N, C-alpha and C. Protein backbone atom coordinates (compact mmCIF):
# COMPACT_ATOMS: atom_id res chain seq x y z
N UNK A 1 -4.07 -11.09 6.08
CA UNK A 1 -2.83 -11.44 6.75
C UNK A 1 -3.14 -11.78 8.20
N UNK A 2 -2.51 -12.79 8.71
CA UNK A 2 -2.71 -13.12 10.12
C UNK A 2 -1.97 -12.13 11.02
N UNK A 3 -2.41 -12.04 12.26
CA UNK A 3 -1.73 -11.16 13.21
C UNK A 3 -2.33 -9.77 13.25
N UNK A 4 -1.60 -8.87 13.87
CA UNK A 4 -2.11 -7.52 14.09
C UNK A 4 -1.71 -6.53 13.01
N UNK A 5 -0.81 -6.91 12.12
CA UNK A 5 -0.36 -6.03 11.05
C UNK A 5 -1.12 -6.38 9.78
N UNK A 6 -1.84 -5.42 9.22
CA UNK A 6 -2.56 -5.65 7.96
C UNK A 6 -1.59 -5.48 6.79
N UNK A 7 -2.04 -5.85 5.62
CA UNK A 7 -1.23 -5.64 4.42
C UNK A 7 -0.94 -4.18 4.18
N UNK A 8 -1.92 -3.33 4.46
CA UNK A 8 -1.73 -1.89 4.31
C UNK A 8 -0.71 -1.39 5.32
N UNK A 9 -0.79 -1.88 6.56
CA UNK A 9 0.20 -1.50 7.57
C UNK A 9 1.59 -1.93 7.14
N UNK A 10 1.71 -3.16 6.64
CA UNK A 10 3.01 -3.66 6.18
C UNK A 10 3.55 -2.83 5.03
N UNK A 11 2.67 -2.45 4.10
CA UNK A 11 3.11 -1.60 2.99
C UNK A 11 3.67 -0.28 3.50
N UNK A 12 3.02 0.30 4.51
CA UNK A 12 3.51 1.54 5.11
C UNK A 12 4.87 1.37 5.75
N UNK A 13 5.06 0.26 6.44
CA UNK A 13 6.35 -0.03 7.07
C UNK A 13 7.44 -0.15 6.01
N UNK A 14 7.13 -0.89 4.95
CA UNK A 14 8.11 -1.08 3.86
C UNK A 14 8.44 0.26 3.21
N UNK A 15 7.42 1.08 2.94
CA UNK A 15 7.66 2.39 2.30
C UNK A 15 8.53 3.29 3.18
N UNK A 16 8.37 3.23 4.50
CA UNK A 16 9.19 4.05 5.38
C UNK A 16 10.64 3.55 5.42
N UNK A 17 10.82 2.24 5.48
CA UNK A 17 12.17 1.68 5.56
C UNK A 17 12.93 1.75 4.25
N UNK A 18 12.23 1.49 3.14
CA UNK A 18 12.84 1.48 1.82
C UNK A 18 11.99 2.30 0.87
N UNK A 19 12.11 3.63 0.93
CA UNK A 19 11.21 4.51 0.16
C UNK A 19 11.25 4.30 -1.35
N UNK A 20 12.32 3.79 -1.89
CA UNK A 20 12.41 3.60 -3.34
C UNK A 20 11.91 2.26 -3.82
N UNK A 21 11.54 1.39 -2.91
CA UNK A 21 11.09 0.05 -3.27
C UNK A 21 9.62 0.08 -3.70
N UNK A 22 9.31 -0.39 -4.91
CA UNK A 22 7.91 -0.43 -5.33
C UNK A 22 7.11 -1.39 -4.46
N UNK A 23 5.87 -1.02 -4.16
CA UNK A 23 5.00 -1.86 -3.34
C UNK A 23 3.69 -2.08 -4.09
N UNK A 24 3.28 -3.34 -4.18
CA UNK A 24 2.03 -3.72 -4.82
C UNK A 24 1.19 -4.50 -3.81
N UNK A 25 -0.04 -4.05 -3.59
CA UNK A 25 -0.98 -4.78 -2.75
C UNK A 25 -2.01 -5.44 -3.65
N UNK A 26 -2.16 -6.74 -3.51
CA UNK A 26 -3.22 -7.47 -4.20
C UNK A 26 -4.29 -7.77 -3.15
N UNK A 27 -5.48 -7.23 -3.34
CA UNK A 27 -6.49 -7.32 -2.30
C UNK A 27 -7.88 -7.55 -2.85
N UNK A 28 -8.68 -8.22 -2.07
CA UNK A 28 -10.09 -8.37 -2.38
C UNK A 28 -10.92 -7.33 -1.66
N UNK A 29 -10.27 -6.53 -0.82
CA UNK A 29 -10.95 -5.50 -0.04
C UNK A 29 -10.75 -4.14 -0.68
N UNK A 30 -11.33 -3.96 -1.86
CA UNK A 30 -11.10 -2.72 -2.61
C UNK A 30 -11.84 -1.52 -2.04
N UNK A 31 -12.79 -1.77 -1.11
CA UNK A 31 -13.49 -0.63 -0.53
C UNK A 31 -12.62 0.12 0.48
N UNK A 32 -11.57 -0.51 0.97
CA UNK A 32 -10.66 0.18 1.91
C UNK A 32 -9.61 0.94 1.11
N UNK A 33 -9.63 2.23 1.24
CA UNK A 33 -8.73 3.09 0.48
C UNK A 33 -7.33 3.07 1.08
N UNK A 34 -6.36 3.05 0.22
CA UNK A 34 -4.96 3.08 0.66
C UNK A 34 -4.43 4.48 0.39
N UNK A 35 -4.03 5.16 1.45
CA UNK A 35 -3.51 6.51 1.33
C UNK A 35 -2.01 6.51 1.53
N UNK A 36 -1.33 5.64 0.81
CA UNK A 36 0.12 5.56 0.91
C UNK A 36 0.72 5.91 -0.45
N UNK A 37 1.50 6.98 -0.50
CA UNK A 37 2.12 7.35 -1.77
C UNK A 37 3.02 6.22 -2.27
N UNK A 38 2.94 5.96 -3.56
CA UNK A 38 3.81 4.97 -4.17
C UNK A 38 3.37 3.54 -4.01
N UNK A 39 2.19 3.31 -3.45
CA UNK A 39 1.68 1.95 -3.29
C UNK A 39 0.62 1.70 -4.35
N UNK A 40 0.84 0.68 -5.16
CA UNK A 40 -0.11 0.29 -6.20
C UNK A 40 -1.09 -0.72 -5.63
N UNK A 41 -2.31 -0.71 -6.13
CA UNK A 41 -3.35 -1.65 -5.70
C UNK A 41 -3.77 -2.49 -6.91
N UNK A 42 -3.85 -3.79 -6.72
CA UNK A 42 -4.36 -4.69 -7.73
C UNK A 42 -5.54 -5.43 -7.10
N UNK A 43 -6.74 -5.17 -7.63
CA UNK A 43 -7.96 -5.74 -7.05
C UNK A 43 -8.14 -7.19 -7.49
N UNK A 44 -8.46 -8.04 -6.51
CA UNK A 44 -8.77 -9.43 -6.81
C UNK A 44 -10.23 -9.53 -7.21
N UNK A 45 -10.61 -10.41 -8.07
CA UNK A 45 -9.72 -11.29 -8.83
C UNK A 45 -9.10 -10.54 -10.00
N UNK A 46 -7.90 -10.90 -10.34
CA UNK A 46 -7.20 -10.30 -11.47
C UNK A 46 -6.65 -11.44 -12.33
N UNK A 47 -6.41 -11.11 -13.60
CA UNK A 47 -5.83 -12.14 -14.46
C UNK A 47 -4.32 -11.94 -14.56
N UNK A 48 -3.66 -12.94 -15.03
CA UNK A 48 -2.19 -12.93 -15.07
C UNK A 48 -1.66 -11.79 -15.93
N UNK A 49 -2.39 -11.43 -16.98
CA UNK A 49 -1.95 -10.33 -17.84
C UNK A 49 -1.93 -9.01 -17.08
N UNK A 50 -2.95 -8.80 -16.23
CA UNK A 50 -2.96 -7.59 -15.40
C UNK A 50 -1.77 -7.56 -14.46
N UNK A 51 -1.49 -8.68 -13.82
CA UNK A 51 -0.37 -8.77 -12.90
C UNK A 51 0.94 -8.48 -13.61
N UNK A 52 1.12 -9.07 -14.78
CA UNK A 52 2.36 -8.85 -15.54
C UNK A 52 2.51 -7.39 -15.91
N UNK A 53 1.42 -6.74 -16.35
CA UNK A 53 1.49 -5.32 -16.72
C UNK A 53 1.87 -4.45 -15.52
N UNK A 54 1.24 -4.70 -14.37
CA UNK A 54 1.53 -3.90 -13.19
C UNK A 54 2.97 -4.11 -12.73
N UNK A 55 3.40 -5.36 -12.69
CA UNK A 55 4.78 -5.63 -12.27
C UNK A 55 5.79 -5.05 -13.25
N UNK A 56 5.51 -5.12 -14.53
CA UNK A 56 6.41 -4.52 -15.53
C UNK A 56 6.48 -3.01 -15.34
N UNK A 57 5.35 -2.39 -15.06
CA UNK A 57 5.33 -0.95 -14.81
C UNK A 57 6.13 -0.58 -13.57
N UNK A 58 5.98 -1.35 -12.52
CA UNK A 58 6.74 -1.10 -11.29
C UNK A 58 8.23 -1.30 -11.52
N UNK A 59 8.59 -2.33 -12.27
CA UNK A 59 10.00 -2.58 -12.55
C UNK A 59 10.58 -1.46 -13.42
N UNK A 60 9.78 -0.90 -14.31
CA UNK A 60 10.23 0.19 -15.18
C UNK A 60 10.46 1.49 -14.43
N UNK A 61 9.83 1.63 -13.26
CA UNK A 61 10.00 2.83 -12.44
C UNK A 61 11.34 2.87 -11.73
N UNK A 62 11.98 1.74 -11.61
CA UNK A 62 13.22 1.67 -10.84
C UNK A 62 14.39 2.10 -11.63
């Protein structure tokens, strides 16, 4: 992401503002651990079936 806010930072902001909103990070930087409760990680490269499964799971949590 451009600018000073990383995707992980943005996920934290979203989780604080809207705690019930599911958050999915798709990243190629899998070595950086995300310590945010309720944030799912999808490692790049991923196939469309993986994306559909993760999104369906997140939608089912709501």
